[in-house]
Amino acid sequence: MDVDAYSYAHRRSWDRLTALTRQRRLTGPEADELVLLYRRTSQQLARLQAHSPDPELIAGLSAVLTKARARVVGSRVNTWQEIARFFAYGFPVAVYRARGWWLSVAALFVLVSGVLAYLVAEHPGARRALGVPEDARVLTAPGGRFETYYTEHPHDAFAAQVWTNNAWVAALALFLGVLIFPALYLLWGNALNVGVSAGLMADAGRLDAFFGFILPHGMLEMTAVFIAGGAGLRVGWTLIDPGRSGRLAALARQGRAAATIALGLVGVLLISGLLEGFVTPSPLPAVVRVLIGFVVWALFIGYVFVLGRRGTDNGAHTAGR
């Protein structure tokens, strides 16, 4: 069975089912058509589950049928069950399946930031080329702007501010990825900021303070940005190389995965914002603050790789029956 050809042949009827499900009022013929398409699509989903190794396609069609079933039988979908399924399956699977992209973004980001930090700390010419002031004591001195940035505002207001800002950065990285170069430029700007700050703090002999303030929230926050950037670039690359699927079908599939990731990252960035607002500026010793951030980050990584791999494997096992 050629899954791509099968999906292409039935895409129009699936889109029609989605449109009828969303339509507020249906005429008699439209209601009959909804029931017919629902039954037909259920049969088609069963065939795909037996032949398709693509959990994203199966999950997308299952979501369409869930909403259509609620319309057909006149019952409401259990909202809490849908939310639980999203966080137990949809979000971690989407992130896990995009891991090659966002892990590559993370590795490149760390490499670029490290090189920039070294150049800024060791080579005055690099500072001049990057437009960095020679005297940066206002930023790097104890109690300077690098530290007061985290302590000058009330914790709750600061947490809300950084959550909003980080969500905006992640959204830009995700949705500009379809154009590739704007997303790369955004990631470069963030790598430049991190690298220059680290280099200046290293030059001042305060690299311990840099990591003490950056790592508690930064591990989770930057991971979310890497995921957003990787998922966005994946969508952009689909335009260039859609694989065996048609370009529009492949783009729609990756777009649904990106939307799932975007929704899940809202919660991830909320947690990182709380860390930045309450843990980073706290009077706790730096090692304790970093340990808290590491534990939260490790829990998220474990969540993605355990549930994501399990969901992906289950989809593959279903396809192999």
C-alpha atoms as a PDB file:
ATOM      1  CA  MET A   1       0.000   0.000   0.000  1.00  0.00           C
ATOM      2  CA  ASP A   2       1.386   3.397  -0.999  1.00  0.00           C
ATOM      3  CA  VAL A   3       0.434   5.454   2.058  1.00  0.00           C
ATOM      4  CA  ASP A   4       1.269   8.796   0.433  1.00  0.00           C
ATOM      5  CA  ALA A   5      -0.875   8.053  -2.608  1.00  0.00           C
ATOM      6  CA  TYR A   6      -3.677   6.749  -0.389  1.00  0.00           C
ATOM      7  CA  SER A   7      -3.592   9.904   1.739  1.00  0.00           C
ATOM      8  CA  TYR A   8      -3.557  12.129  -1.333  1.00  0.00           C
ATOM      9  CA  ALA A   9      -6.535  10.294  -2.842  1.00  0.00           C
ATOM     10  CA  HIS A  10      -8.670  10.749   0.280  1.00  0.00           C
ATOM     11  CA  ARG A  11      -7.436  14.146   1.474  1.00  0.00           C
ATOM     12  CA  ARG A  12     -10.370  16.005  -0.065  1.00  0.00           C
ATOM     13  CA  SER A  13     -12.964  13.897   1.786  1.00  0.00           C
ATOM     14  CA  TRP A  14     -11.049  14.311   5.063  1.00  0.00           C
ATOM     15  CA  ASP A  15     -11.020  18.073   4.588  1.00  0.00           C
ATOM     16  CA  ARG A  16     -14.751  17.960   3.840  1.00  0.00           C
ATOM     17  CA  LEU A  17     -15.368  15.997   7.042  1.00  0.00           C
ATOM     18  CA  THR A  18     -13.406  18.602   8.996  1.00  0.00           C
ATOM     19  CA  ALA A  19     -15.404  21.433   7.409  1.00  0.00           C
ATOM     20  CA  LEU A  20     -18.761  19.786   8.187  1.00  0.00           C
ATOM     21  CA  THR A  21     -17.670  19.103  11.768  1.00  0.00           C
ATOM     22  CA  ARG A  22     -16.833  22.776  12.298  1.00  0.00           C
ATOM     23  CA  GLN A  23     -20.003  24.055  10.613  1.00  0.00           C
ATOM     24  CA  ARG A  24     -22.436  25.342  13.239  1.00  0.00           C
ATOM     25  CA  ARG A  25     -25.639  24.347  11.451  1.00  0.00           C
ATOM     26  CA  LEU A  26     -26.155  21.488   9.023  1.00  0.00           C
ATOM     27  CA  THR A  27     -28.934  20.890   6.546  1.00  0.00           C
ATOM     28  CA  GLY A  28     -30.459  17.424   6.248  1.00  0.00           C
ATOM     29  CA  PRO A  29     -28.264  16.403   3.295  1.00  0.00           C
ATOM     30  CA  GLU A  30     -25.171  17.807   5.026  1.00  0.00           C
ATOM     31  CA  ALA A  31     -25.942  15.812   8.199  1.00  0.00           C
ATOM     32  CA  ASP A  32     -26.265  12.641   6.108  1.00  0.00           C
ATOM     33  CA  GLU A  33     -22.990  13.465   4.376  1.00  0.00           C
ATOM     34  CA  LEU A  34     -21.298  13.972   7.757  1.00  0.00           C
ATOM     35  CA  VAL A  35     -22.375  10.508   8.941  1.00  0.00           C
ATOM     36  CA  LEU A  36     -21.285   8.905   5.652  1.00  0.00           C
ATOM     37  CA  LEU A  37     -17.872  10.592   5.703  1.00  0.00           C
ATOM     38  CA  TYR A  38     -17.397   9.707   9.361  1.00  0.00           C
ATOM     39  CA  ARG A  39     -17.996   5.993   8.690  1.00  0.00           C
ATOM     40  CA  ARG A  40     -15.852   6.015   5.570  1.00  0.00           C
ATOM     41  CA  THR A  41     -12.988   7.847   7.279  1.00  0.00           C
ATOM     42  CA  SER A  42     -13.108   5.433  10.229  1.00  0.00           C
ATOM     43  CA  GLN A  43     -12.547   2.562   7.805  1.00  0.00           C
ATOM     44  CA  GLN A  44      -9.730   4.450   6.117  1.00  0.00           C
ATOM     45  CA  LEU A  45      -8.061   5.136   9.472  1.00  0.00           C
ATOM     46  CA  ALA A  46      -8.165   1.412  10.261  1.00  0.00           C
ATOM     47  CA  ARG A  47      -6.380   0.682   6.971  1.00  0.00           C
ATOM     48  CA  LEU A  48      -3.754   3.345   7.683  1.00  0.00           C
ATOM     49  CA  GLN A  49      -3.127   1.956  11.165  1.00  0.00           C
ATOM     50  CA  ALA A  50      -2.321  -1.348   9.550  1.00  0.00           C
ATOM     51  CA  HIS A  51       0.064   0.081   6.966  1.00  0.00           C
ATOM     52  CA  SER A  52       1.317   3.547   7.974  1.00  0.00           C
ATOM     53  CA  PRO A  53       4.369   4.062  10.206  1.00  0.00           C
ATOM     54  CA  ASP A  54       3.532   7.760  10.474  1.00  0.00           C
ATOM     55  CA  PRO A  55       2.031   8.518  13.933  1.00  0.00           C
ATOM     56  CA  GLU A  56       1.488  12.161  12.953  1.00  0.00           C
ATOM     57  CA  LEU A  57      -0.836  11.200  10.100  1.00  0.00           C
ATOM     58  CA  ILE A  58      -2.712   8.718  12.284  1.00  0.00           C
ATOM     59  CA  ALA A  59      -2.962  11.160  15.200  1.00  0.00           C
ATOM     60  CA  GLY A  60      -4.226  13.949  12.935  1.00  0.00           C
ATOM     61  CA  LEU A  61      -6.906  11.765  11.380  1.00  0.00           C
ATOM     62  CA  SER A  62      -7.868  10.400  14.812  1.00  0.00           C
ATOM     63  CA  ALA A  63      -8.389  13.949  16.060  1.00  0.00           C
ATOM     64  CA  VAL A  64     -10.667  14.701  13.098  1.00  0.00           C
ATOM     65  CA  LEU A  65     -12.714  11.575  13.814  1.00  0.00           C
ATOM     66  CA  THR A  66     -12.952  12.368  17.531  1.00  0.00           C
ATOM     67  CA  LYS A  67     -14.527  15.738  16.787  1.00  0.00           C
ATOM     68  CA  ALA A  68     -16.737  14.283  14.077  1.00  0.00           C
ATOM     69  CA  ARG A  69     -17.945  11.513  16.399  1.00  0.00           C
ATOM     70  CA  ALA A  70     -18.944  14.099  18.994  1.00  0.00           C
ATOM     71  CA  ARG A  71     -20.975  15.887  16.309  1.00  0.00           C
ATOM     72  CA  VAL A  72     -22.554  12.667  15.009  1.00  0.00           C
ATOM     73  CA  VAL A  73     -23.639  11.232  18.360  1.00  0.00           C
ATOM     74  CA  GLY A  74     -24.333  14.629  19.913  1.00  0.00           C
ATOM     75  CA  SER A  75     -21.990  14.130  22.847  1.00  0.00           C
ATOM     76  CA  ARG A  76     -19.203  16.310  24.084  1.00  0.00           C
ATOM     77  CA  VAL A  77     -15.589  15.359  24.015  1.00  0.00           C
ATOM     78  CA  ASN A  78     -14.145  14.970  27.511  1.00  0.00           C
ATOM     79  CA  THR A  79     -11.938  18.044  27.655  1.00  0.00           C
ATOM     80  CA  TRP A  80      -9.759  16.783  30.480  1.00  0.00           C
ATOM     81  CA  GLN A  81      -9.147  13.496  28.690  1.00  0.00           C
ATOM     82  CA  GLU A  82      -8.092  15.399  25.575  1.00  0.00           C
ATOM     83  CA  ILE A  83      -5.730  17.583  27.613  1.00  0.00           C
ATOM     84  CA  ALA A  84      -4.254  14.532  29.328  1.00  0.00           C
ATOM     85  CA  ARG A  85      -3.799  12.788  25.973  1.00  0.00           C
ATOM     86  CA  PHE A  86      -2.106  15.876  24.549  1.00  0.00           C
ATOM     87  CA  PHE A  87       0.520  16.002  27.290  1.00  0.00           C
ATOM     88  CA  ALA A  88       0.912  12.221  27.578  1.00  0.00           C
ATOM     89  CA  TYR A  89       1.141  11.558  23.843  1.00  0.00           C
ATOM     90  CA  GLY A  90       0.716  14.408  21.369  1.00  0.00           C
ATOM     91  CA  PHE A  91       3.280  16.902  22.660  1.00  0.00           C
ATOM     92  CA  PRO A  92       6.120  14.542  23.712  1.00  0.00           C
ATOM     93  CA  VAL A  93       5.789  12.506  20.490  1.00  0.00           C
ATOM     94  CA  ALA A  94       5.935  15.647  18.329  1.00  0.00           C
ATOM     95  CA  VAL A  95       9.031  16.901  20.181  1.00  0.00           C
ATOM     96  CA  TYR A  96      10.692  13.476  20.140  1.00  0.00           C
ATOM     97  CA  ARG A  97      10.137  13.012  16.410  1.00  0.00           C
ATOM     98  CA  ALA A  98      11.782  16.400  15.766  1.00  0.00           C
ATOM     99  CA  ARG A  99      14.751  15.613  18.046  1.00  0.00           C
ATOM    100  CA  GLY A 100      17.302  15.444  15.240  1.00  0.00           C
ATOM    101  CA  TRP A 101      16.514  19.033  14.315  1.00  0.00           C
ATOM    102  CA  TRP A 102      16.438  20.646  17.739  1.00  0.00           C
ATOM    103  CA  LEU A 103      19.429  18.702  19.080  1.00  0.00           C
ATOM    104  CA  SER A 104      21.404  19.933  16.062  1.00  0.00           C
ATOM    105  CA  VAL A 105      20.249  23.499  16.748  1.00  0.00           C
ATOM    106  CA  ALA A 106      21.299  23.107  20.404  1.00  0.00           C
ATOM    107  CA  ALA A 107      24.757  21.787  19.517  1.00  0.00           C
ATOM    108  CA  LEU A 108      25.380  24.548  16.987  1.00  0.00           C
ATOM    109  CA  PHE A 109      24.104  27.212  19.409  1.00  0.00           C
ATOM    110  CA  VAL A 110      26.416  26.049  22.202  1.00  0.00           C
ATOM    111  CA  LEU A 111      29.362  25.897  19.799  1.00  0.00           C
ATOM    112  CA  VAL A 112      28.762  29.399  18.416  1.00  0.00           C
ATOM    113  CA  SER A 113      28.189  30.871  21.887  1.00  0.00           C
ATOM    114  CA  GLY A 114      31.355  29.225  23.193  1.00  0.00           C
ATOM    115  CA  VAL A 115      33.490  30.532  20.337  1.00  0.00           C
ATOM    116  CA  LEU A 116      32.081  34.033  20.773  1.00  0.00           C
ATOM    117  CA  ALA A 117      32.691  33.915  24.523  1.00  0.00           C
ATOM    118  CA  TYR A 118      36.311  32.897  23.961  1.00  0.00           C
ATOM    119  CA  LEU A 119      36.904  35.644  21.385  1.00  0.00           C
ATOM    120  CA  VAL A 120      35.331  38.337  23.575  1.00  0.00           C
ATOM    121  CA  ALA A 121      37.304  37.229  26.652  1.00  0.00           C
ATOM    122  CA  GLU A 122      40.683  36.779  24.952  1.00  0.00           C
ATOM    123  CA  HIS A 123      40.819  39.095  21.936  1.00  0.00           C
ATOM    124  CA  PRO A 124      40.179  42.864  22.220  1.00  0.00           C
ATOM    125  CA  GLY A 125      39.933  43.037  18.434  1.00  0.00           C
ATOM    126  CA  ALA A 126      36.925  40.728  18.516  1.00  0.00           C
ATOM    127  CA  ARG A 127      35.248  43.070  20.988  1.00  0.00           C
ATOM    128  CA  ARG A 128      35.767  46.012  18.691  1.00  0.00           C
ATOM    129  CA  ALA A 129      34.476  44.049  15.709  1.00  0.00           C
ATOM    130  CA  LEU A 130      31.330  43.126  17.640  1.00  0.00           C
ATOM    131  CA  GLY A 131      30.847  46.665  18.966  1.00  0.00           C
ATOM    132  CA  VAL A 132      31.413  45.666  22.603  1.00  0.00           C
ATOM    133  CA  PRO A 133      32.606  48.524  24.877  1.00  0.00           C
ATOM    134  CA  GLU A 134      36.131  48.106  26.252  1.00  0.00           C
ATOM    135  CA  ASP A 135      35.007  49.011  29.778  1.00  0.00           C
ATOM    136  CA  ALA A 136      32.138  46.674  30.698  1.00  0.00           C
ATOM    137  CA  ARG A 137      32.354  47.011  34.473  1.00  0.00           C
ATOM    138  CA  VAL A 138      28.864  48.490  34.646  1.00  0.00           C
ATOM    139  CA  LEU A 139      27.652  45.098  33.417  1.00  0.00           C
ATOM    140  CA  THR A 140      30.109  42.678  35.025  1.00  0.00           C
ATOM    141  CA  ALA A 141      30.886  44.189  38.446  1.00  0.00           C
ATOM    142  CA  PRO A 142      29.258  42.628  41.530  1.00  0.00           C
ATOM    143  CA  GLY A 143      25.824  44.180  41.752  1.00  0.00           C
ATOM    144  CA  GLY A 144      26.130  45.331  38.125  1.00  0.00           C
ATOM    145  CA  ARG A 145      23.470  45.260  35.437  1.00  0.00           C
ATOM    146  CA  PHE A 146      23.945  41.551  34.722  1.00  0.00           C
ATOM    147  CA  GLU A 147      22.861  40.700  38.266  1.00  0.00           C
ATOM    148  CA  THR A 148      20.339  43.464  38.931  1.00  0.00           C
ATOM    149  CA  TYR A 149      18.402  42.483  35.816  1.00  0.00           C
ATOM    150  CA  TYR A 150      17.124  39.496  37.809  1.00  0.00           C
ATOM    151  CA  THR A 151      16.457  41.322  41.078  1.00  0.00           C
ATOM    152  CA  GLU A 152      15.206  44.831  40.279  1.00  0.00           C
ATOM    153  CA  HIS A 153      11.559  43.830  39.715  1.00  0.00           C
ATOM    154  CA  PRO A 154       9.023  42.024  41.919  1.00  0.00           C
ATOM    155  CA  HIS A 155       9.290  38.277  41.402  1.00  0.00           C
ATOM    156  CA  ASP A 156       5.747  37.699  40.114  1.00  0.00           C
ATOM    157  CA  ALA A 157       5.858  40.622  37.665  1.00  0.00           C
ATOM    158  CA  PHE A 158       9.306  39.574  36.439  1.00  0.00           C
ATOM    159  CA  ALA A 159       8.178  35.957  35.942  1.00  0.00           C
ATOM    160  CA  ALA A 160       5.210  37.130  33.866  1.00  0.00           C
ATOM    161  CA  GLN A 161       7.448  39.455  31.835  1.00  0.00           C
ATOM    162  CA  VAL A 162      10.037  36.808  30.975  1.00  0.00           C
ATOM    163  CA  TRP A 163       7.334  34.245  30.186  1.00  0.00           C
ATOM    164  CA  THR A 164       5.773  36.623  27.681  1.00  0.00           C
ATOM    165  CA  ASN A 165       9.153  37.530  26.166  1.00  0.00           C
ATOM    166  CA  ASN A 166      10.362  33.939  25.924  1.00  0.00           C
ATOM    167  CA  ALA A 167       7.075  32.772  24.424  1.00  0.00           C
ATOM    168  CA  TRP A 168       7.409  35.499  21.797  1.00  0.00           C
ATOM    169  CA  VAL A 169      11.003  34.490  20.965  1.00  0.00           C
ATOM    170  CA  ALA A 170      10.032  30.815  20.731  1.00  0.00           C
ATOM    171  CA  ALA A 171       7.013  31.640  18.559  1.00  0.00           C
ATOM    172  CA  LEU A 172       9.183  33.666  16.195  1.00  0.00           C
ATOM    173  CA  ALA A 173      11.772  30.886  15.989  1.00  0.00           C
ATOM    174  CA  LEU A 174       9.026  28.347  15.306  1.00  0.00           C
ATOM    175  CA  PHE A 175       6.933  30.175  12.749  1.00  0.00           C
ATOM    176  CA  LEU A 176       9.783  31.979  10.984  1.00  0.00           C
ATOM    177  CA  GLY A 177      11.380  28.590  10.433  1.00  0.00           C
ATOM    178  CA  VAL A 178       9.310  28.161   7.294  1.00  0.00           C
ATOM    179  CA  LEU A 179      11.492  30.918   5.795  1.00  0.00           C
ATOM    180  CA  ILE A 180      14.661  29.348   7.309  1.00  0.00           C
ATOM    181  CA  PHE A 181      16.959  32.416   7.228  1.00  0.00           C
ATOM    182  CA  PRO A 182      14.910  34.646   9.598  1.00  0.00           C
ATOM    183  CA  ALA A 183      14.843  31.810  12.133  1.00  0.00           C
ATOM    184  CA  LEU A 184      18.593  31.307  11.788  1.00  0.00           C
ATOM    185  CA  TYR A 185      19.134  35.052  12.266  1.00  0.00           C
ATOM    186  CA  LEU A 186      17.006  35.010  15.427  1.00  0.00           C
ATOM    187  CA  LEU A 187      18.972  32.091  16.844  1.00  0.00           C
ATOM    188  CA  TRP A 188      22.231  33.836  15.919  1.00  0.00           C
ATOM    189  CA  GLY A 189      21.123  36.934  17.828  1.00  0.00           C
ATOM    190  CA  ASN A 190      20.454  34.887  20.952  1.00  0.00           C
ATOM    191  CA  ALA A 191      23.778  33.049  20.611  1.00  0.00           C
ATOM    192  CA  LEU A 192      25.536  36.404  20.239  1.00  0.00           C
ATOM    193  CA  ASN A 193      23.936  37.772  23.412  1.00  0.00           C
ATOM    194  CA  VAL A 194      24.854  34.689  25.428  1.00  0.00           C
ATOM    195  CA  GLY A 195      28.392  34.517  24.020  1.00  0.00           C
ATOM    196  CA  VAL A 196      29.195  38.197  24.562  1.00  0.00           C
ATOM    197  CA  SER A 197      27.812  38.155  28.126  1.00  0.00           C
ATOM    198  CA  ALA A 198      29.767  34.997  28.969  1.00  0.00           C
ATOM    199  CA  GLY A 199      32.950  36.438  27.465  1.00  0.00           C
ATOM    200  CA  LEU A 200      32.684  39.686  29.401  1.00  0.00           C
ATOM    201  CA  MET A 201      31.969  37.899  32.663  1.00  0.00           C
ATOM    202  CA  ALA A 202      34.902  35.522  32.024  1.00  0.00           C
ATOM    203  CA  ASP A 203      37.184  38.482  31.347  1.00  0.00           C
ATOM    204  CA  ALA A 204      36.092  39.977  34.677  1.00  0.00           C
ATOM    205  CA  GLY A 205      36.809  36.701  36.486  1.00  0.00           C
ATOM    206  CA  ARG A 206      33.131  36.202  37.279  1.00  0.00           C
ATOM    207  CA  LEU A 207      32.189  33.250  35.091  1.00  0.00           C
ATOM    208  CA  ASP A 208      30.882  31.479  38.211  1.00  0.00           C
ATOM    209  CA  ALA A 209      28.358  34.300  38.702  1.00  0.00           C
ATOM    210  CA  PHE A 210      27.398  34.089  35.020  1.00  0.00           C
ATOM    211  CA  PHE A 211      26.511  30.400  35.267  1.00  0.00           C
ATOM    212  CA  GLY A 212      24.933  30.902  38.682  1.00  0.00           C
ATOM    213  CA  PHE A 213      22.411  33.327  37.199  1.00  0.00           C
ATOM    214  CA  ILE A 214      21.976  31.812  33.732  1.00  0.00           C
ATOM    215  CA  LEU A 215      21.705  28.087  34.349  1.00  0.00           C
ATOM    216  CA  PRO A 216      18.814  27.853  36.871  1.00  0.00           C
ATOM    217  CA  HIS A 217      16.286  28.951  34.257  1.00  0.00           C
ATOM    218  CA  GLY A 218      18.404  28.917  31.108  1.00  0.00           C
ATOM    219  CA  MET A 219      18.678  25.151  30.720  1.00  0.00           C
ATOM    220  CA  LEU A 220      14.919  24.746  30.309  1.00  0.00           C
ATOM    221  CA  GLU A 221      14.358  28.098  28.607  1.00  0.00           C
ATOM    222  CA  MET A 222      16.974  27.598  25.906  1.00  0.00           C
ATOM    223  CA  THR A 223      15.896  23.995  25.361  1.00  0.00           C
ATOM    224  CA  ALA A 224      12.417  25.326  24.582  1.00  0.00           C
ATOM    225  CA  VAL A 225      13.920  27.825  22.127  1.00  0.00           C
ATOM    226  CA  PHE A 226      15.996  25.056  20.515  1.00  0.00           C
ATOM    227  CA  ILE A 227      12.884  22.898  20.125  1.00  0.00           C
ATOM    228  CA  ALA A 228      10.960  25.791  18.599  1.00  0.00           C
ATOM    229  CA  GLY A 229      13.798  26.644  16.231  1.00  0.00           C
ATOM    230  CA  GLY A 230      14.353  23.028  15.214  1.00  0.00           C
ATOM    231  CA  ALA A 231      10.658  22.400  14.596  1.00  0.00           C
ATOM    232  CA  GLY A 232      10.378  25.603  12.589  1.00  0.00           C
ATOM    233  CA  LEU A 233      13.395  24.758  10.439  1.00  0.00           C
ATOM    234  CA  ARG A 234      11.929  21.300   9.880  1.00  0.00           C
ATOM    235  CA  VAL A 235       8.794  22.906   8.429  1.00  0.00           C
ATOM    236  CA  GLY A 236      10.931  25.153   6.239  1.00  0.00           C
ATOM    237  CA  TRP A 237      12.978  22.231   4.955  1.00  0.00           C
ATOM    238  CA  THR A 238       9.754  20.399   4.073  1.00  0.00           C
ATOM    239  CA  LEU A 239       9.091  23.105   1.503  1.00  0.00           C
ATOM    240  CA  ILE A 240      12.438  22.305  -0.105  1.00  0.00           C
ATOM    241  CA  ASP A 241      12.305  18.532   0.241  1.00  0.00           C
ATOM    242  CA  PRO A 242       8.782  17.184   0.902  1.00  0.00           C
ATOM    243  CA  GLY A 243       9.921  13.585   0.488  1.00  0.00           C
ATOM    244  CA  ARG A 244       7.554  11.109  -1.121  1.00  0.00           C
ATOM    245  CA  SER A 245       4.473  13.121  -0.122  1.00  0.00           C
ATOM    246  CA  GLY A 246       3.135  16.000  -2.124  1.00  0.00           C
ATOM    247  CA  ARG A 247       4.496  19.351  -0.972  1.00  0.00           C
ATOM    248  CA  LEU A 248       1.157  20.598   0.401  1.00  0.00           C
ATOM    249  CA  ALA A 249       0.389  17.332   2.191  1.00  0.00           C
ATOM    250  CA  ALA A 250       3.872  17.158   3.729  1.00  0.00           C
ATOM    251  CA  LEU A 251       3.716  20.805   4.758  1.00  0.00           C
ATOM    252  CA  ALA A 252       0.290  20.312   6.344  1.00  0.00           C
ATOM    253  CA  ARG A 253       1.575  17.328   8.314  1.00  0.00           C
ATOM    254  CA  GLN A 254       4.637  19.165   9.592  1.00  0.00           C
ATOM    255  CA  GLY A 255       2.526  22.240  10.272  1.00  0.00           C
ATOM    256  CA  ARG A 256       0.241  20.228  12.551  1.00  0.00           C
ATOM    257  CA  ALA A 257       3.286  18.886  14.407  1.00  0.00           C
ATOM    258  CA  ALA A 258       4.665  22.429  14.768  1.00  0.00           C
ATOM    259  CA  ALA A 259       1.322  23.677  16.123  1.00  0.00           C
ATOM    260  CA  THR A 260       1.335  20.849  18.692  1.00  0.00           C
ATOM    261  CA  ILE A 261       4.851  21.812  19.761  1.00  0.00           C
ATOM    262  CA  ALA A 262       3.939  25.499  19.966  1.00  0.00           C
ATOM    263  CA  LEU A 263       1.003  24.777  22.274  1.00  0.00           C
ATOM    264  CA  GLY A 264       3.053  22.532  24.543  1.00  0.00           C
ATOM    265  CA  LEU A 265       5.941  24.998  24.778  1.00  0.00           C
ATOM    266  CA  VAL A 266       3.609  27.566  26.331  1.00  0.00           C
ATOM    267  CA  GLY A 267       3.570  25.413  29.478  1.00  0.00           C
ATOM    268  CA  VAL A 268       7.307  24.710  29.318  1.00  0.00           C
ATOM    269  CA  LEU A 269       8.117  28.414  29.081  1.00  0.00           C
ATOM    270  CA  LEU A 270       5.741  29.167  31.936  1.00  0.00           C
ATOM    271  CA  ILE A 271       7.815  26.858  34.140  1.00  0.00           C
ATOM    272  CA  SER A 272      11.078  28.457  32.964  1.00  0.00           C
ATOM    273  CA  GLY A 273       9.582  31.892  33.646  1.00  0.00           C
ATOM    274  CA  LEU A 274       8.747  30.842  37.202  1.00  0.00           C
ATOM    275  CA  LEU A 275      12.313  29.603  37.637  1.00  0.00           C
ATOM    276  CA  GLU A 276      13.710  32.897  36.325  1.00  0.00           C
ATOM    277  CA  GLY A 277      11.335  34.949  38.428  1.00  0.00           C
ATOM    278  CA  PHE A 278      11.633  33.103  41.733  1.00  0.00           C
ATOM    279  CA  VAL A 279      14.666  30.761  41.763  1.00  0.00           C
ATOM    280  CA  THR A 280      17.344  32.672  39.811  1.00  0.00           C
ATOM    281  CA  PRO A 281      17.156  35.878  41.949  1.00  0.00           C
ATOM    282  CA  SER A 282      16.630  34.004  45.240  1.00  0.00           C
ATOM    283  CA  PRO A 283      19.210  34.219  48.070  1.00  0.00           C
ATOM    284  CA  LEU A 284      19.884  30.475  47.781  1.00  0.00           C
ATOM    285  CA  PRO A 285      23.508  29.469  47.104  1.00  0.00           C
ATOM    286  CA  ALA A 286      24.318  29.349  43.406  1.00  0.00           C
ATOM    287  CA  VAL A 287      24.924  25.594  43.475  1.00  0.00           C
ATOM    288  CA  VAL A 288      21.430  25.029  44.901  1.00  0.00           C
ATOM    289  CA  ARG A 289      19.816  27.293  42.314  1.00  0.00           C
ATOM    290  CA  VAL A 290      21.619  25.502  39.496  1.00  0.00           C
ATOM    291  CA  LEU A 291      20.676  22.112  40.956  1.00  0.00           C
ATOM    292  CA  ILE A 292      16.990  23.081  41.017  1.00  0.00           C
ATOM    293  CA  GLY A 293      17.184  24.203  37.402  1.00  0.00           C
ATOM    294  CA  PHE A 294      18.994  21.020  36.397  1.00  0.00           C
ATOM    295  CA  VAL A 295      16.424  18.769  38.079  1.00  0.00           C
ATOM    296  CA  VAL A 296      13.533  20.538  36.314  1.00  0.00           C
ATOM    297  CA  TRP A 297      15.380  20.376  32.981  1.00  0.00           C
ATOM    298  CA  ALA A 298      16.229  16.681  33.454  1.00  0.00           C
ATOM    299  CA  LEU A 299      12.594  15.895  34.254  1.00  0.00           C
ATOM    300  CA  PHE A 300      11.507  17.595  31.025  1.00  0.00           C
ATOM    301  CA  ILE A 301      14.122  15.774  28.929  1.00  0.00           C
ATOM    302  CA  GLY A 302      13.098  12.474  30.525  1.00  0.00           C
ATOM    303  CA  TYR A 303       9.440  13.265  29.857  1.00  0.00           C
ATOM    304  CA  VAL A 304      10.142  13.911  26.158  1.00  0.00           C
ATOM    305  CA  PHE A 305      12.363  10.905  25.563  1.00  0.00           C
ATOM    306  CA  VAL A 306      10.426   8.371  27.657  1.00  0.00           C
ATOM    307  CA  LEU A 307       6.869   9.277  26.637  1.00  0.00           C
ATOM    308  CA  GLY A 308       7.899  10.431  23.176  1.00  0.00           C
ATOM    309  CA  ARG A 309       9.769   7.226  22.374  1.00  0.00           C
ATOM    310  CA  ARG A 310       6.991   5.103  23.858  1.00  0.00           C
ATOM    311  CA  GLY A 311       4.337   6.870  21.792  1.00  0.00           C
ATOM    312  CA  THR A 312       6.423   6.617  18.626  1.00  0.00           C
ATOM    313  CA  ASP A 313       7.147   2.929  19.212  1.00  0.00           C
ATOM    314  CA  ASN A 314       3.477   2.200  19.896  1.00  0.00           C
ATOM    315  CA  GLY A 315       2.577   3.853  16.606  1.00  0.00           C
ATOM    316  CA  ALA A 316       5.184   1.780  14.798  1.00  0.00           C
ATOM    317  CA  HIS A 317       3.963  -1.428  16.453  1.00  0.00           C
ATOM    318  CA  THR A 318       0.388  -0.631  15.478  1.00  0.00           C
ATOM    319  CA  ALA A 319       1.501  -0.107  11.897  1.00  0.00           C
ATOM    320  CA  GLY A 320       3.284  -3.446  11.864  1.00  0.00           C
ATOM    321  CA  ARG A 321       0.238  -5.524  12.749  1.00  0.00           C
END
